[in-house]
Each structure stands twice: as C-alpha cells, then as structure tokens.
Amino acid sequence: MRIAVFLALLVVALGYAAWRGGGPERVMAVIAALMVVLDTLLHRIVPAQFASLDTGHLIIDLFGAVTTIALALAAHRFWPMGMAVLHILPLLAHSSRALDLAMHPVAYLVMQVAPSWLVAPVLIGATWRHRRRLKASGADPSWHSSPV
C-alpha cells in the first residue's frame, strides 16, 4: 500500500511539474520518472537485496545524484540544491552498507528509500512557487545565464 501511495503522489507531482513547471521543474520530473523506470527494470531482472551492497540501486542513485547536482548548478532556483541532497543521502546508505556489512537490512532499506518520499512534495512546492513568481512578475528565469 505504501508503494501505491508513493507512486500516486509522485505521478501527481510529475504531471503537475510537466504541465505547469518551468525548465528546472520539468527536468526534475524527467529525472524522477527515469529513476522510477530504471528501478522497475532493475526489479524485473534482480530482486531487491538489502543484506549486502545493492549495486543496482547504487547505480540508479548515482544517476539521481549526478543529474540533480547538475540541475542545481544550472537552474536559477534554490530548491534543486535541496533535491540534490535528497539524492545524495541514499549514497550515504550505500557507503554505510559497504563499510559495515553487519548493518541491519531494514536500516539499509530505510536509509536508501526514506529521502525519496520528499521528492514529490518538494517538486509540487517548487512548481507552485514557479507559478506564483510568473503571476507576480510575468517572468521567472529558469537557468543561470552564461558568464561569457
């Protein structure tokens, strides 16, 4: 049931960001959607394993961290920095698992999955704020201008 709730909230956030968001919100929607697709494909090939280092999810989480850090560096917004942190936290879970194989599998699971619950609310809030800025000033630059 919790997975269905998570996916429903994420679908609402992704749809809202794709429909009403600016460039950074739409890019984040694509990143999140790709991560869900990659996770689904991974689970079709390999069952989730939390008793040892989960290399499949490590790769997906590396993708999420790298792309959201790039988004944070390019976007003319504050929220992508927080989103990048949410994607870096699972990497700490993988690092902890690699350093401490005696870690309880549930602790590894929670450390790896819990930050993802904040992605949808942050994206909804970011899209809503974008719409408010557009309404207030008529413009909301999406990207930093090049220093050239």
C-alpha atoms as a PDB file:
ATOM      1  CA  MET A   1       0.000   0.000   0.000  1.00  0.00           C
ATOM      2  CA  ARG A   2       2.823   2.450   0.830  1.00  0.00           C
ATOM      3  CA  ILE A   3       4.316   1.926  -2.636  1.00  0.00           C
ATOM      4  CA  ALA A   4       0.964   2.736  -4.256  1.00  0.00           C
ATOM      5  CA  VAL A   5       0.658   5.917  -2.165  1.00  0.00           C
ATOM      6  CA  PHE A   6       4.218   6.909  -3.017  1.00  0.00           C
ATOM      7  CA  LEU A   7       3.696   6.317  -6.741  1.00  0.00           C
ATOM      8  CA  ALA A   8       0.353   8.163  -6.752  1.00  0.00           C
ATOM      9  CA  LEU A   9       1.917  11.196  -5.073  1.00  0.00           C
ATOM     10  CA  LEU A  10       4.872  11.052  -7.455  1.00  0.00           C
ATOM     11  CA  VAL A  11       2.621  10.818 -10.530  1.00  0.00           C
ATOM     12  CA  VAL A  12       0.706  13.899  -9.353  1.00  0.00           C
ATOM     13  CA  ALA A  13       3.970  15.784  -8.784  1.00  0.00           C
ATOM     14  CA  LEU A  14       5.466  14.742 -12.126  1.00  0.00           C
ATOM     15  CA  GLY A  15       2.294  15.612 -14.001  1.00  0.00           C
ATOM     16  CA  TYR A  16       1.978  19.000 -12.315  1.00  0.00           C
ATOM     17  CA  ALA A  17       5.649  19.814 -12.939  1.00  0.00           C
ATOM     18  CA  ALA A  18       5.452  18.730 -16.594  1.00  0.00           C
ATOM     19  CA  TRP A  19       2.233  20.693 -17.163  1.00  0.00           C
ATOM     20  CA  ARG A  20       2.847  23.887 -15.188  1.00  0.00           C
ATOM     21  CA  GLY A  21       6.531  23.909 -14.264  1.00  0.00           C
ATOM     22  CA  GLY A  22       9.412  25.849 -15.711  1.00  0.00           C
ATOM     23  CA  GLY A  23      12.523  24.273 -17.191  1.00  0.00           C
ATOM     24  CA  PRO A  24      14.077  23.073 -13.906  1.00  0.00           C
ATOM     25  CA  GLU A  25      10.800  21.596 -12.668  1.00  0.00           C
ATOM     26  CA  ARG A  26      10.329  19.721 -15.930  1.00  0.00           C
ATOM     27  CA  VAL A  27      13.908  18.456 -15.907  1.00  0.00           C
ATOM     28  CA  MET A  28      13.412  17.196 -12.353  1.00  0.00           C
ATOM     29  CA  ALA A  29      10.207  15.454 -13.442  1.00  0.00           C
ATOM     30  CA  VAL A  30      12.164  13.652 -16.182  1.00  0.00           C
ATOM     31  CA  ILE A  31      14.941  12.683 -13.750  1.00  0.00           C
ATOM     32  CA  ALA A  32      12.441  11.281 -11.234  1.00  0.00           C
ATOM     33  CA  ALA A  33      10.499   9.430 -13.937  1.00  0.00           C
ATOM     34  CA  LEU A  34      13.712   7.895 -15.302  1.00  0.00           C
ATOM     35  CA  MET A  35      14.694   6.753 -11.823  1.00  0.00           C
ATOM     36  CA  VAL A  36      11.322   5.016 -11.386  1.00  0.00           C
ATOM     37  CA  VAL A  37      11.639   3.350 -14.804  1.00  0.00           C
ATOM     38  CA  LEU A  38      15.202   2.223 -14.038  1.00  0.00           C
ATOM     39  CA  ASP A  39      14.073   0.894 -10.644  1.00  0.00           C
ATOM     40  CA  THR A  40      11.215  -1.033 -12.253  1.00  0.00           C
ATOM     41  CA  LEU A  41      13.553  -2.530 -14.857  1.00  0.00           C
ATOM     42  CA  LEU A  42      16.065  -3.435 -12.154  1.00  0.00           C
ATOM     43  CA  HIS A  43      13.418  -5.282 -10.118  1.00  0.00           C
ATOM     44  CA  ARG A  44      12.402  -7.280 -13.195  1.00  0.00           C
ATOM     45  CA  ILE A  45      15.989  -8.516 -13.532  1.00  0.00           C
ATOM     46  CA  VAL A  46      17.263  -8.698  -9.941  1.00  0.00           C
ATOM     47  CA  PRO A  47      15.242  -8.900  -6.724  1.00  0.00           C
ATOM     48  CA  ALA A  48      15.888  -6.154  -4.178  1.00  0.00           C
ATOM     49  CA  GLN A  49      18.601  -7.120  -1.728  1.00  0.00           C
ATOM     50  CA  PHE A  50      19.347  -5.230   1.424  1.00  0.00           C
ATOM     51  CA  ALA A  51      21.501  -7.839   3.162  1.00  0.00           C
ATOM     52  CA  SER A  52      24.511  -6.794   1.075  1.00  0.00           C
ATOM     53  CA  LEU A  53      25.515  -3.804  -1.039  1.00  0.00           C
ATOM     54  CA  ASP A  54      22.778  -3.259  -3.625  1.00  0.00           C
ATOM     55  CA  THR A  55      24.816  -2.313  -6.694  1.00  0.00           C
ATOM     56  CA  GLY A  56      21.784  -1.906  -8.951  1.00  0.00           C
ATOM     57  CA  HIS A  57      20.251   0.742  -6.720  1.00  0.00           C
ATOM     58  CA  LEU A  58      23.685   2.262  -6.168  1.00  0.00           C
ATOM     59  CA  ILE A  59      23.924   2.908  -9.918  1.00  0.00           C
ATOM     60  CA  ILE A  60      20.398   4.383 -10.033  1.00  0.00           C
ATOM     61  CA  ASP A  61      21.164   6.567  -7.006  1.00  0.00           C
ATOM     62  CA  LEU A  62      24.432   7.739  -8.599  1.00  0.00           C
ATOM     63  CA  PHE A  63      22.441   8.742 -11.683  1.00  0.00           C
ATOM     64  CA  GLY A  64      19.971  10.650  -9.487  1.00  0.00           C
ATOM     65  CA  ALA A  65      22.698  12.408  -7.527  1.00  0.00           C
ATOM     66  CA  VAL A  66      24.765  13.415 -10.556  1.00  0.00           C
ATOM     67  CA  THR A  67      21.784  14.696 -12.537  1.00  0.00           C
ATOM     68  CA  THR A  68      20.254  16.655  -9.653  1.00  0.00           C
ATOM     69  CA  ILE A  69      23.631  18.193  -8.784  1.00  0.00           C
ATOM     70  CA  ALA A  70      23.950  19.268 -12.429  1.00  0.00           C
ATOM     71  CA  LEU A  71      20.404  20.665 -12.247  1.00  0.00           C
ATOM     72  CA  ALA A  72      21.248  22.555  -9.049  1.00  0.00           C
ATOM     73  CA  LEU A  73      24.298  24.113 -10.701  1.00  0.00           C
ATOM     74  CA  ALA A  74      22.408  25.186 -13.829  1.00  0.00           C
ATOM     75  CA  ALA A  75      18.982  26.169 -12.503  1.00  0.00           C
ATOM     76  CA  HIS A  76      18.063  29.677 -11.443  1.00  0.00           C
ATOM     77  CA  ARG A  77      16.262  28.211  -8.426  1.00  0.00           C
ATOM     78  CA  PHE A  78      17.087  27.349  -4.815  1.00  0.00           C
ATOM     79  CA  TRP A  79      15.073  24.130  -4.453  1.00  0.00           C
ATOM     80  CA  PRO A  80      17.334  21.957  -6.702  1.00  0.00           C
ATOM     81  CA  MET A  81      20.068  22.180  -4.042  1.00  0.00           C
ATOM     82  CA  GLY A  82      17.752  20.518  -1.530  1.00  0.00           C
ATOM     83  CA  MET A  83      16.686  17.989  -4.155  1.00  0.00           C
ATOM     84  CA  ALA A  84      20.349  17.162  -4.811  1.00  0.00           C
ATOM     85  CA  VAL A  85      20.813  16.486  -1.102  1.00  0.00           C
ATOM     86  CA  LEU A  86      17.807  14.142  -1.163  1.00  0.00           C
ATOM     87  CA  HIS A  87      19.557  12.213  -3.929  1.00  0.00           C
ATOM     88  CA  ILE A  88      22.931  12.203  -2.170  1.00  0.00           C
ATOM     89  CA  LEU A  89      21.520  10.724   1.067  1.00  0.00           C
ATOM     90  CA  PRO A  90      20.958   7.254  -0.453  1.00  0.00           C
ATOM     91  CA  LEU A  91      24.629   7.261  -1.488  1.00  0.00           C
ATOM     92  CA  LEU A  92      25.453   7.584   2.210  1.00  0.00           C
ATOM     93  CA  ALA A  93      23.319   4.498   2.800  1.00  0.00           C
ATOM     94  CA  HIS A  94      25.309   2.571   0.202  1.00  0.00           C
ATOM     95  CA  SER A  95      28.583   3.817   1.701  1.00  0.00           C
ATOM     96  CA  SER A  96      27.433   2.795   5.182  1.00  0.00           C
ATOM     97  CA  ARG A  97      26.458  -0.655   3.910  1.00  0.00           C
ATOM     98  CA  ALA A  98      29.831  -1.077   2.200  1.00  0.00           C
ATOM     99  CA  LEU A  99      31.678  -0.106   5.389  1.00  0.00           C
ATOM    100  CA  ASP A 100      29.505  -2.075   7.807  1.00  0.00           C
ATOM    101  CA  LEU A 101      28.242  -5.371   6.438  1.00  0.00           C
ATOM    102  CA  ALA A 102      26.683  -6.110   9.832  1.00  0.00           C
ATOM    103  CA  MET A 103      24.187  -3.250   9.317  1.00  0.00           C
ATOM    104  CA  HIS A 104      20.610  -4.464   9.671  1.00  0.00           C
ATOM    105  CA  PRO A 105      18.949  -4.814   6.251  1.00  0.00           C
ATOM    106  CA  VAL A 106      15.948  -2.736   7.392  1.00  0.00           C
ATOM    107  CA  ALA A 107      18.249   0.137   8.368  1.00  0.00           C
ATOM    108  CA  TYR A 108      19.837  -0.017   4.911  1.00  0.00           C
ATOM    109  CA  LEU A 109      16.407  -0.066   3.263  1.00  0.00           C
ATOM    110  CA  VAL A 110      15.144   2.925   5.254  1.00  0.00           C
ATOM    111  CA  MET A 111      18.315   4.951   4.666  1.00  0.00           C
ATOM    112  CA  GLN A 112      18.083   4.206   0.955  1.00  0.00           C
ATOM    113  CA  VAL A 113      14.346   4.816   0.444  1.00  0.00           C
ATOM    114  CA  ALA A 114      13.177   7.385   3.024  1.00  0.00           C
ATOM    115  CA  PRO A 115      14.580  10.528   1.300  1.00  0.00           C
ATOM    116  CA  SER A 116      12.632   9.707  -1.868  1.00  0.00           C
ATOM    117  CA  TRP A 117       9.359  10.412  -0.034  1.00  0.00           C
ATOM    118  CA  LEU A 118      10.273  14.112  -0.005  1.00  0.00           C
ATOM    119  CA  VAL A 119      10.870  14.379  -3.758  1.00  0.00           C
ATOM    120  CA  ALA A 120       7.184  14.708  -4.731  1.00  0.00           C
ATOM    121  CA  PRO A 121       6.245  17.344  -2.112  1.00  0.00           C
ATOM    122  CA  VAL A 122       9.345  19.411  -2.918  1.00  0.00           C
ATOM    123  CA  LEU A 123       8.587  19.240  -6.650  1.00  0.00           C
ATOM    124  CA  ILE A 124       4.946  20.212  -6.097  1.00  0.00           C
ATOM    125  CA  GLY A 125       6.037  23.143  -3.928  1.00  0.00           C
ATOM    126  CA  ALA A 126       8.679  24.190  -6.470  1.00  0.00           C
ATOM    127  CA  THR A 127       6.154  24.154  -9.303  1.00  0.00           C
ATOM    128  CA  TRP A 128       3.614  26.088  -7.243  1.00  0.00           C
ATOM    129  CA  ARG A 129       6.249  28.733  -6.376  1.00  0.00           C
ATOM    130  CA  HIS A 130       7.226  28.977 -10.050  1.00  0.00           C
ATOM    131  CA  ARG A 131       3.594  29.671 -10.962  1.00  0.00           C
ATOM    132  CA  ARG A 132       3.361  32.341  -8.230  1.00  0.00           C
ATOM    133  CA  ARG A 133       6.527  34.073  -9.471  1.00  0.00           C
ATOM    134  CA  LEU A 134       5.176  34.053 -13.021  1.00  0.00           C
ATOM    135  CA  LYS A 135       1.893  35.541 -11.877  1.00  0.00           C
ATOM    136  CA  ALA A 136       3.581  38.201  -9.723  1.00  0.00           C
ATOM    137  CA  SER A 137       6.255  39.390 -12.137  1.00  0.00           C
ATOM    138  CA  GLY A 138       5.382  37.893 -15.512  1.00  0.00           C
ATOM    139  CA  ALA A 139       8.742  36.134 -15.755  1.00  0.00           C
ATOM    140  CA  ASP A 140      10.723  33.502 -13.896  1.00  0.00           C
ATOM    141  CA  PRO A 141      14.143  32.751 -15.413  1.00  0.00           C
ATOM    142  CA  SER A 142      14.828  29.028 -15.463  1.00  0.00           C
ATOM    143  CA  TRP A 143      18.576  28.905 -15.962  1.00  0.00           C
ATOM    144  CA  HIS A 144      21.644  30.862 -14.920  1.00  0.00           C
ATOM    145  CA  SER A 145      22.929  32.990 -17.756  1.00  0.00           C
ATOM    146  CA  SER A 146      26.324  32.123 -19.150  1.00  0.00           C
ATOM    147  CA  PRO A 147      29.206  34.270 -17.809  1.00  0.00           C
ATOM    148  CA  VAL A 148      30.637  34.578 -21.361  1.00  0.00           C
END
